[in-house]
Amino acid sequence: MKTLALIIPLVAAVLCGCSSVPQKYSASPTRSLVRGVSADHSSVQIRSVDGSDATISSWISPDHFGDKVWLESGVHKLTVICSTEDDKCGLYTVNADVEVDVQPGFTYLLTASPFKGVGTPHVTVTKKESKS
């Protein structure tokens, strides 16, 4: 019984730790939200920021990439995973690099145009004023 009492908090800590955003990418009053969008049979997931070795996906799980990150002002290079689902051919998934010039007071939405698995998908960055 004592062993179980020790194991439960440990398991809870591990599970919570895996799903929490690293400190340098978490929400903060000085950071702006950059978010991948799912629309029109396509989705964008954020894989890494500024060439970091530790991918953003590591805070979700090895097979599920995150769709949001909070970044300080400045130009950031994001590697994203774009996916398009086609009823006849299935799912296409490709990496793409996107540059985002983050400014305070704005939210940035990353949207991929549908693609057919050849070449690099076009990722649009939309800048929206954040709600105060």
N, C-alpha and C. Protein backbone atom coordinates (compact mmCIF):
# COMPACT_ATOMS: atom_id res chain seq x y z
N MET A 1 0.82 -1.19 0.00
CA MET A 1 0.00 0.00 0.00
C MET A 1 0.87 1.25 0.00
N LYS A 2 1.98 1.25 0.76
CA LYS A 2 2.87 2.40 0.78
C LYS A 2 3.51 2.62 -0.58
N THR A 3 3.82 1.52 -1.27
CA THR A 3 4.43 1.62 -2.59
C THR A 3 3.48 2.30 -3.56
N LEU A 4 2.20 1.93 -3.50
CA LEU A 4 1.19 2.53 -4.36
C LEU A 4 1.06 4.03 -4.08
N ALA A 5 1.13 4.39 -2.80
CA ALA A 5 1.03 5.80 -2.42
C ALA A 5 2.21 6.60 -2.97
N LEU A 6 3.36 5.97 -3.16
CA LEU A 6 4.52 6.65 -3.73
C LEU A 6 4.48 6.70 -5.25
N ILE A 7 3.94 5.65 -5.85
CA ILE A 7 3.91 5.54 -7.31
C ILE A 7 2.91 6.51 -7.93
N ILE A 8 1.74 6.66 -7.34
CA ILE A 8 0.69 7.52 -7.93
C ILE A 8 1.18 8.95 -8.12
N PRO A 9 1.77 9.62 -7.12
CA PRO A 9 2.25 10.99 -7.36
C PRO A 9 3.36 11.05 -8.41
N LEU A 10 4.22 10.01 -8.46
CA LEU A 10 5.29 9.97 -9.45
C LEU A 10 4.72 9.89 -10.86
N VAL A 11 3.75 9.01 -11.08
CA VAL A 11 3.11 8.87 -12.39
C VAL A 11 2.42 10.17 -12.77
N ALA A 12 1.72 10.79 -11.83
CA ALA A 12 1.04 12.07 -12.10
C ALA A 12 2.04 13.14 -12.50
N ALA A 13 3.17 13.20 -11.83
CA ALA A 13 4.20 14.20 -12.15
C ALA A 13 4.77 13.97 -13.54
N VAL A 14 5.00 12.72 -13.90
CA VAL A 14 5.52 12.40 -15.23
C VAL A 14 4.51 12.77 -16.30
N LEU A 15 3.26 12.42 -16.10
CA LEU A 15 2.22 12.74 -17.08
C LEU A 15 2.05 14.24 -17.23
N CYS A 16 2.04 14.98 -16.17
CA CYS A 16 1.90 16.43 -16.24
C CYS A 16 3.13 17.06 -16.88
N GLY A 17 4.29 16.54 -16.58
CA GLY A 17 5.53 17.07 -17.13
C GLY A 17 5.61 16.89 -18.64
N CYS A 18 5.05 15.81 -19.15
CA CYS A 18 5.11 15.55 -20.58
C CYS A 18 4.22 16.49 -21.37
N SER A 19 3.17 16.99 -20.76
CA SER A 19 2.24 17.82 -21.50
C SER A 19 2.41 19.31 -21.22
N SER A 20 3.37 19.69 -20.40
CA SER A 20 3.55 21.10 -20.13
C SER A 20 4.59 21.69 -21.08
N VAL A 21 4.37 22.94 -21.46
CA VAL A 21 5.22 23.63 -22.41
C VAL A 21 6.52 24.03 -21.73
N PRO A 22 7.68 23.88 -22.40
CA PRO A 22 8.93 24.35 -21.80
C PRO A 22 8.82 25.83 -21.43
N GLN A 23 9.47 26.22 -20.38
CA GLN A 23 9.38 27.59 -19.84
C GLN A 23 9.61 28.66 -20.92
N LYS A 24 10.61 28.46 -21.78
CA LYS A 24 10.93 29.50 -22.75
C LYS A 24 9.90 29.61 -23.87
N TYR A 25 8.94 28.68 -23.95
CA TYR A 25 7.89 28.72 -24.96
C TYR A 25 6.49 28.83 -24.35
N SER A 26 6.40 29.04 -23.04
CA SER A 26 5.09 29.09 -22.38
C SER A 26 4.51 30.50 -22.43
N ALA A 27 3.22 30.60 -22.13
CA ALA A 27 2.52 31.88 -22.15
C ALA A 27 3.15 32.84 -21.16
N SER A 28 3.27 34.09 -21.59
CA SER A 28 3.87 35.14 -20.76
C SER A 28 3.39 36.48 -21.31
N PRO A 29 3.26 37.50 -20.45
CA PRO A 29 2.83 38.82 -20.94
C PRO A 29 3.77 39.42 -21.98
N THR A 30 5.03 38.98 -22.02
CA THR A 30 5.99 39.54 -22.97
C THR A 30 6.07 38.72 -24.26
N ARG A 31 5.29 37.66 -24.38
CA ARG A 31 5.35 36.78 -25.54
C ARG A 31 4.06 36.83 -26.34
N SER A 32 4.19 36.50 -27.63
CA SER A 32 3.03 36.44 -28.52
C SER A 32 2.78 34.99 -28.92
N LEU A 33 1.51 34.66 -29.11
CA LEU A 33 1.11 33.30 -29.49
C LEU A 33 1.31 33.10 -30.99
N VAL A 34 1.96 31.99 -31.34
CA VAL A 34 2.08 31.54 -32.72
C VAL A 34 1.39 30.18 -32.75
N ARG A 35 0.40 30.04 -33.65
CA ARG A 35 -0.43 28.84 -33.62
C ARG A 35 -0.62 28.25 -35.01
N GLY A 36 -0.47 26.94 -35.11
CA GLY A 36 -0.77 26.22 -36.34
C GLY A 36 -2.28 26.02 -36.44
N VAL A 37 -2.80 26.12 -37.65
CA VAL A 37 -4.24 26.07 -37.87
C VAL A 37 -4.59 24.83 -38.69
N SER A 38 -5.73 24.23 -38.38
CA SER A 38 -6.30 23.15 -39.18
C SER A 38 -7.49 23.71 -39.93
N ALA A 39 -7.43 23.69 -41.26
CA ALA A 39 -8.52 24.22 -42.09
C ALA A 39 -8.41 23.66 -43.50
N ASP A 40 -9.53 23.51 -44.16
CA ASP A 40 -9.56 23.12 -45.58
C ASP A 40 -8.75 21.86 -45.86
N HIS A 41 -8.92 20.83 -45.02
CA HIS A 41 -8.25 19.52 -45.15
C HIS A 41 -6.75 19.57 -44.93
N SER A 42 -6.23 20.71 -44.43
CA SER A 42 -4.79 20.82 -44.15
C SER A 42 -4.58 21.28 -42.72
N SER A 43 -3.42 20.92 -42.16
CA SER A 43 -3.10 21.35 -40.81
C SER A 43 -1.61 21.68 -40.71
N VAL A 44 -1.30 22.52 -39.71
CA VAL A 44 0.09 22.89 -39.44
C VAL A 44 0.38 22.60 -37.98
N GLN A 45 1.44 21.86 -37.74
CA GLN A 45 1.91 21.56 -36.39
C GLN A 45 3.33 22.10 -36.27
N ILE A 46 3.67 22.66 -35.12
CA ILE A 46 4.99 23.26 -34.92
C ILE A 46 5.96 22.18 -34.43
N ARG A 47 7.05 22.04 -35.14
CA ARG A 47 8.03 21.01 -34.79
C ARG A 47 9.21 21.57 -33.99
N SER A 48 9.78 22.69 -34.43
CA SER A 48 10.89 23.29 -33.69
C SER A 48 10.93 24.79 -33.93
N VAL A 49 11.64 25.48 -33.05
CA VAL A 49 11.78 26.94 -33.13
C VAL A 49 13.27 27.28 -33.14
N ASP A 50 13.67 28.10 -34.10
CA ASP A 50 15.04 28.60 -34.20
C ASP A 50 16.08 27.47 -34.19
N GLY A 51 15.75 26.37 -34.85
CA GLY A 51 16.69 25.26 -34.98
C GLY A 51 16.99 24.51 -33.70
N SER A 52 16.14 24.66 -32.71
CA SER A 52 16.39 23.99 -31.43
C SER A 52 16.43 22.47 -31.62
N ASP A 53 17.31 21.83 -30.88
CA ASP A 53 17.41 20.37 -30.93
C ASP A 53 16.18 19.73 -30.31
N ALA A 54 15.71 20.33 -29.22
CA ALA A 54 14.53 19.80 -28.55
C ALA A 54 13.31 20.28 -29.30
N THR A 55 12.61 19.37 -29.93
CA THR A 55 11.45 19.77 -30.72
C THR A 55 10.29 20.12 -29.80
N ILE A 56 9.42 20.97 -30.30
CA ILE A 56 8.23 21.35 -29.56
C ILE A 56 7.37 20.12 -29.30
N SER A 57 7.44 19.15 -30.20
CA SER A 57 6.62 17.94 -30.04
C SER A 57 6.97 17.18 -28.78
N SER A 58 8.15 17.37 -28.24
CA SER A 58 8.54 16.60 -27.07
C SER A 58 7.69 16.92 -25.85
N TRP A 59 7.01 18.06 -25.86
CA TRP A 59 6.18 18.32 -24.70
C TRP A 59 4.79 17.75 -24.84
N ILE A 60 4.44 17.25 -25.99
CA ILE A 60 3.12 16.63 -26.16
C ILE A 60 3.29 15.11 -26.03
N SER A 61 3.83 14.52 -27.05
CA SER A 61 4.16 13.10 -27.06
C SER A 61 4.96 12.84 -28.32
N PRO A 62 5.64 11.72 -28.42
CA PRO A 62 6.47 11.48 -29.60
C PRO A 62 5.70 11.45 -30.91
N ASP A 63 4.40 11.13 -30.89
CA ASP A 63 3.66 11.03 -32.14
C ASP A 63 2.58 12.10 -32.30
N HIS A 64 2.62 13.15 -31.51
CA HIS A 64 1.64 14.24 -31.65
C HIS A 64 2.37 15.57 -31.50
N PHE A 65 2.37 16.34 -32.55
CA PHE A 65 3.07 17.61 -32.54
C PHE A 65 2.17 18.71 -32.01
N GLY A 66 2.77 19.69 -31.37
CA GLY A 66 2.02 20.80 -30.81
C GLY A 66 1.61 21.79 -31.87
N ASP A 67 0.52 22.52 -31.60
CA ASP A 67 0.07 23.50 -32.57
C ASP A 67 0.23 24.94 -32.07
N LYS A 68 0.87 25.14 -30.91
CA LYS A 68 1.07 26.50 -30.45
C LYS A 68 2.33 26.66 -29.63
N VAL A 69 2.86 27.89 -29.70
CA VAL A 69 4.06 28.24 -28.96
C VAL A 69 4.00 29.75 -28.72
N TRP A 70 4.53 30.20 -27.59
CA TRP A 70 4.57 31.63 -27.27
C TRP A 70 6.01 32.09 -27.43
N LEU A 71 6.22 33.15 -28.23
CA LEU A 71 7.57 33.60 -28.55
C LEU A 71 7.79 35.06 -28.20
N GLU A 72 9.02 35.37 -27.82
CA GLU A 72 9.43 36.76 -27.58
C GLU A 72 9.47 37.49 -28.92
N SER A 73 9.45 38.81 -28.87
CA SER A 73 9.53 39.62 -30.09
C SER A 73 10.82 39.31 -30.84
N GLY A 74 10.76 39.43 -32.17
CA GLY A 74 11.91 39.20 -33.03
C GLY A 74 11.57 38.22 -34.14
N VAL A 75 12.52 38.01 -35.00
CA VAL A 75 12.34 37.10 -36.13
C VAL A 75 12.70 35.68 -35.66
N HIS A 76 11.79 34.75 -35.90
CA HIS A 76 11.99 33.35 -35.51
C HIS A 76 11.79 32.45 -36.72
N LYS A 77 12.63 31.41 -36.82
CA LYS A 77 12.48 30.41 -37.87
C LYS A 77 11.85 29.18 -37.24
N LEU A 78 10.67 28.81 -37.74
CA LEU A 78 9.96 27.64 -37.25
C LEU A 78 10.01 26.55 -38.30
N THR A 79 10.24 25.33 -37.85
CA THR A 79 10.05 24.18 -38.72
C THR A 79 8.69 23.62 -38.37
N VAL A 80 7.83 23.51 -39.37
CA VAL A 80 6.47 23.04 -39.15
C VAL A 80 6.23 21.77 -39.96
N ILE A 81 5.23 21.05 -39.54
CA ILE A 81 4.80 19.85 -40.26
C ILE A 81 3.44 20.16 -40.86
N CYS A 82 3.38 20.14 -42.18
CA CYS A 82 2.13 20.41 -42.89
C CYS A 82 1.53 19.09 -43.34
N SER A 83 0.24 18.94 -43.12
CA SER A 83 -0.46 17.72 -43.54
C SER A 83 -1.69 18.10 -44.35
N THR A 84 -1.93 17.35 -45.42
CA THR A 84 -3.13 17.52 -46.23
C THR A 84 -3.76 16.16 -46.41
N GLU A 85 -5.05 16.10 -46.19
CA GLU A 85 -5.77 14.84 -46.37
C GLU A 85 -6.55 14.89 -47.67
N ASP A 86 -6.37 13.84 -48.46
CA ASP A 86 -7.04 13.72 -49.75
C ASP A 86 -7.89 12.46 -49.70
N ASP A 87 -9.15 12.57 -50.05
CA ASP A 87 -10.07 11.41 -49.97
C ASP A 87 -9.59 10.23 -50.82
N LYS A 88 -8.97 10.49 -51.95
CA LYS A 88 -8.55 9.41 -52.84
C LYS A 88 -7.16 8.87 -52.51
N CYS A 89 -6.24 9.75 -52.11
CA CYS A 89 -4.85 9.32 -51.95
C CYS A 89 -4.37 9.25 -50.51
N GLY A 90 -5.17 9.69 -49.57
CA GLY A 90 -4.76 9.59 -48.17
C GLY A 90 -4.13 10.87 -47.64
N LEU A 91 -3.16 10.70 -46.74
CA LEU A 91 -2.56 11.82 -46.03
C LEU A 91 -1.15 12.10 -46.54
N TYR A 92 -0.89 13.35 -46.89
CA TYR A 92 0.45 13.81 -47.26
C TYR A 92 0.99 14.62 -46.09
N THR A 93 2.24 14.40 -45.70
CA THR A 93 2.85 15.15 -44.61
C THR A 93 4.26 15.55 -45.03
N VAL A 94 4.56 16.86 -44.89
CA VAL A 94 5.84 17.41 -45.32
C VAL A 94 6.30 18.47 -44.32
N ASN A 95 7.61 18.53 -44.06
CA ASN A 95 8.18 19.61 -43.25
C ASN A 95 8.33 20.86 -44.11
N ALA A 96 8.21 22.01 -43.47
CA ALA A 96 8.46 23.29 -44.14
C ALA A 96 9.04 24.26 -43.12
N ASP A 97 9.85 25.19 -43.58
CA ASP A 97 10.39 26.23 -42.71
C ASP A 97 9.61 27.52 -42.94
N VAL A 98 9.32 28.21 -41.85
CA VAL A 98 8.54 29.44 -41.90
C VAL A 98 9.25 30.48 -41.03
N GLU A 99 9.36 31.68 -41.54
CA GLU A 99 9.93 32.77 -40.77
C GLU A 99 8.80 33.67 -40.28
N VAL A 100 8.80 33.97 -38.98
CA VAL A 100 7.76 34.81 -38.39
C VAL A 100 8.43 35.96 -37.65
N ASP A 101 8.05 37.18 -38.01
CA ASP A 101 8.55 38.39 -37.33
C ASP A 101 7.55 38.72 -36.23
N VAL A 102 7.83 38.25 -35.03
CA VAL A 102 6.90 38.38 -33.90
C VAL A 102 6.99 39.78 -33.31
N GLN A 103 5.83 40.40 -33.15
CA GLN A 103 5.73 41.72 -32.54
C GLN A 103 4.74 41.63 -31.39
N PRO A 104 4.97 42.40 -30.32
CA PRO A 104 4.07 42.34 -29.17
C PRO A 104 2.65 42.80 -29.54
N GLY A 105 1.67 42.18 -28.88
CA GLY A 105 0.28 42.57 -29.09
C GLY A 105 -0.42 41.88 -30.23
N PHE A 106 0.25 40.89 -30.84
CA PHE A 106 -0.35 40.19 -31.97
C PHE A 106 -0.30 38.68 -31.76
N THR A 107 -1.22 37.98 -32.42
CA THR A 107 -1.23 36.53 -32.49
C THR A 107 -0.96 36.17 -33.94
N TYR A 108 -0.21 35.11 -34.17
CA TYR A 108 0.18 34.70 -35.52
C TYR A 108 -0.40 33.32 -35.81
N LEU A 109 -1.13 33.22 -36.92
CA LEU A 109 -1.76 31.97 -37.33
C LEU A 109 -1.05 31.43 -38.57
N LEU A 110 -0.66 30.16 -38.52
CA LEU A 110 0.04 29.51 -39.62
C LEU A 110 -0.92 28.56 -40.32
N THR A 111 -1.17 28.79 -41.60
CA THR A 111 -2.11 27.98 -42.37
C THR A 111 -1.42 27.45 -43.61
N ALA A 112 -1.58 26.17 -43.90
CA ALA A 112 -0.99 25.56 -45.09
C ALA A 112 -2.05 25.40 -46.17
N SER A 113 -1.65 25.69 -47.40
CA SER A 113 -2.54 25.43 -48.52
C SER A 113 -2.51 23.93 -48.80
N PRO A 114 -3.61 23.36 -49.29
CA PRO A 114 -3.60 21.93 -49.63
C PRO A 114 -2.52 21.65 -50.68
N PHE A 115 -1.86 20.50 -50.57
CA PHE A 115 -0.82 20.12 -51.52
C PHE A 115 -0.94 18.64 -51.82
N LYS A 116 -0.26 18.20 -52.85
CA LYS A 116 -0.37 16.82 -53.31
C LYS A 116 0.89 16.00 -53.08
N GLY A 117 1.69 16.35 -52.09
CA GLY A 117 2.85 15.55 -51.74
C GLY A 117 4.09 15.82 -52.55
N VAL A 118 4.03 16.73 -53.52
CA VAL A 118 5.19 17.07 -54.33
C VAL A 118 5.60 18.50 -53.99
N GLY A 119 6.87 18.70 -53.68
CA GLY A 119 7.33 20.03 -53.34
C GLY A 119 7.00 20.41 -51.91
N THR A 120 7.20 21.69 -51.61
CA THR A 120 6.96 22.21 -50.27
C THR A 120 5.64 22.96 -50.25
N PRO A 121 4.81 22.73 -49.25
CA PRO A 121 3.53 23.43 -49.19
C PRO A 121 3.73 24.92 -48.89
N HIS A 122 2.79 25.72 -49.32
CA HIS A 122 2.83 27.15 -49.03
C HIS A 122 2.19 27.37 -47.66
N VAL A 123 2.93 28.01 -46.74
CA VAL A 123 2.40 28.30 -45.41
C VAL A 123 2.19 29.81 -45.31
N THR A 124 0.97 30.21 -45.01
CA THR A 124 0.62 31.62 -44.86
C THR A 124 0.67 31.99 -43.40
N VAL A 125 1.30 33.13 -43.09
CA VAL A 125 1.34 33.66 -41.73
C VAL A 125 0.37 34.83 -41.67
N THR A 126 -0.65 34.70 -40.82
CA THR A 126 -1.63 35.77 -40.65
C THR A 126 -1.42 36.40 -39.28
N LYS A 127 -1.30 37.72 -39.29
CA LYS A 127 -1.05 38.49 -38.06
C LYS A 127 -2.37 39.10 -37.61
N LYS A 128 -2.79 38.78 -36.38
CA LYS A 128 -4.05 39.31 -35.85
C LYS A 128 -3.76 40.04 -34.54
N GLU A 129 -4.45 41.13 -34.33
CA GLU A 129 -4.27 41.86 -33.09
C GLU A 129 -4.82 41.03 -31.94
N SER A 130 -4.04 40.90 -30.88
CA SER A 130 -4.47 40.12 -29.71
C SER A 130 -5.49 40.91 -28.91
N LYS A 131 -6.39 40.19 -28.27
CA LYS A 131 -7.38 40.83 -27.40
C LYS A 131 -6.72 41.20 -26.10
N SER A 132 -7.03 42.39 -25.62
CA SER A 132 -6.43 42.86 -24.36
C SER A 132 -7.19 42.36 -23.17
